[in-house]
Protein backbone atom coordinates (compact mmCIF):
# COMPACT_ATOMS: atom_id res chain seq x y z
CA MET A 1 0.20 0.23 0.11
CA PHE A 2 0.95 3.22 -0.56
CA PRO A 3 0.85 6.63 1.59
CA ASP A 4 -1.35 9.34 0.96
CA ASN A 5 0.60 11.33 -0.79
CA ILE A 6 2.05 9.41 -3.55
CA ILE A 7 0.28 8.27 -6.51
CA PRO A 8 1.44 4.96 -8.23
CA PHE A 9 2.17 5.55 -11.99
CA GLU A 10 1.82 3.13 -14.02
CA GLN A 11 3.98 4.15 -17.48
CA ALA A 12 3.12 2.90 -20.77
CA LYS A 13 4.36 0.69 -22.96
CA SER A 14 6.56 1.34 -25.55
CA ASP A 15 5.32 0.32 -29.12
CA HIS A 16 8.92 1.13 -30.95
CA ARG A 17 10.57 -1.96 -32.52
CA TYR A 18 14.13 -0.63 -29.88
CA PRO A 19 13.54 -0.38 -26.36
CA ALA A 20 14.78 3.53 -24.49
CA LEU A 21 17.71 1.72 -22.87
CA PRO A 22 20.13 4.03 -21.34
CA MET A 23 23.20 4.27 -23.47
CA LYS A 24 26.22 3.23 -23.46
CA SER A 25 28.78 5.91 -22.44
CA GLU A 26 32.05 3.89 -23.80
CA LEU A 27 29.63 4.49 -26.85
CA VAL A 28 29.20 7.90 -26.71
CA TYR A 29 33.21 8.50 -26.06
CA LYS A 30 34.09 6.47 -29.39
CA ALA A 31 31.44 8.28 -31.28
CA ALA A 32 32.62 11.78 -30.26
CA GLU A 33 36.24 10.65 -31.58
CA ILE A 34 35.03 10.41 -35.13
CA ILE A 35 32.41 13.73 -35.08
CA THR A 36 33.82 16.22 -32.15
CA ASP A 37 31.12 18.84 -32.70
CA PRO A 38 28.82 17.73 -30.10
CA GLN A 39 25.84 19.51 -31.25
CA LYS A 40 26.15 17.34 -34.67
CA LEU A 41 26.81 14.30 -33.07
CA VAL A 42 23.60 14.78 -30.90
CA ASN A 43 21.42 15.83 -33.69
CA ILE A 44 22.35 12.49 -36.43
CA VAL A 45 22.08 10.15 -33.16
CA SER A 46 18.52 11.88 -32.83
CA LYS A 47 17.71 11.78 -36.57
CA ARG A 48 19.04 8.39 -36.45
CA VAL A 49 16.95 6.98 -33.88
CA ARG A 50 13.52 8.33 -35.15
CA GLN A 51 14.45 6.19 -38.69
CA LEU A 52 15.29 3.38 -36.03
CA ASN A 53 12.10 4.05 -34.72
CA SER A 54 9.45 4.64 -37.64
CA GLY A 55 10.76 1.35 -38.71
CA ARG A 56 14.12 1.55 -40.77
CA ALA A 57 16.65 -1.42 -40.71
CA PRO A 58 19.87 -1.35 -38.63
CA LEU A 59 23.27 -1.27 -40.94
CA ILE A 60 24.67 -3.32 -38.30
CA PRO A 61 23.92 -6.58 -36.72
CA THR A 62 22.19 -5.94 -33.86
CA VAL A 63 21.15 -7.53 -30.20
CA PRO A 64 18.56 -7.57 -27.67
CA SER A 65 19.92 -5.29 -25.10
CA MET A 66 20.86 -2.60 -27.82
CA GLY A 67 18.93 0.73 -27.22
CA ALA A 68 18.04 2.53 -30.78
CA ALA A 69 20.77 4.99 -29.71
CA ASP A 70 23.69 2.02 -29.52
CA ILE A 71 22.48 1.04 -32.81
CA ALA A 72 22.93 4.63 -33.81
CA LEU A 73 26.45 5.53 -32.39
CA THR A 74 27.80 1.64 -33.29
CA GLU A 75 26.68 2.60 -36.63
CA ILE A 76 28.20 5.69 -36.44
CA ILE A 77 31.41 4.43 -34.47
CA GLU A 78 31.58 1.50 -37.96
CA GLY A 79 31.41 4.26 -40.73
CA LYS A 80 28.36 3.72 -41.49
CA ILE A 81 26.90 6.57 -41.20
CA LYS A 82 28.38 9.73 -42.25
CA ILE A 83 28.13 13.14 -42.44
CA ALA A 84 27.72 14.95 -46.17
CA GLU A 85 29.33 18.26 -46.51
CA PRO A 86 27.99 21.25 -48.22
CA THR A 87 29.28 21.40 -51.76
CA ALA A 88 30.03 24.93 -52.18
CA GLU A 89 28.03 26.50 -54.97
CA ALA A 90 29.68 29.57 -57.22
């Protein structure tokens, strides 16, 4: 039984293909060596997580313990995802 001032909270189950697990920090550090601008790294990982959660297939072999962010970071580390540099238009 809960005390009077505590309301039990049930979280809705995610319908995403890859569960929201905490990122593994060693993957963040390795990916940060490849994409040194933290803002770009966050934006790329966020975009890739959205793609994975909407049904896109991972570019690497995965295991059940990997969350979408781990998959995105590993794809960056393994060179499967690269930043397209803007071209100079004359």
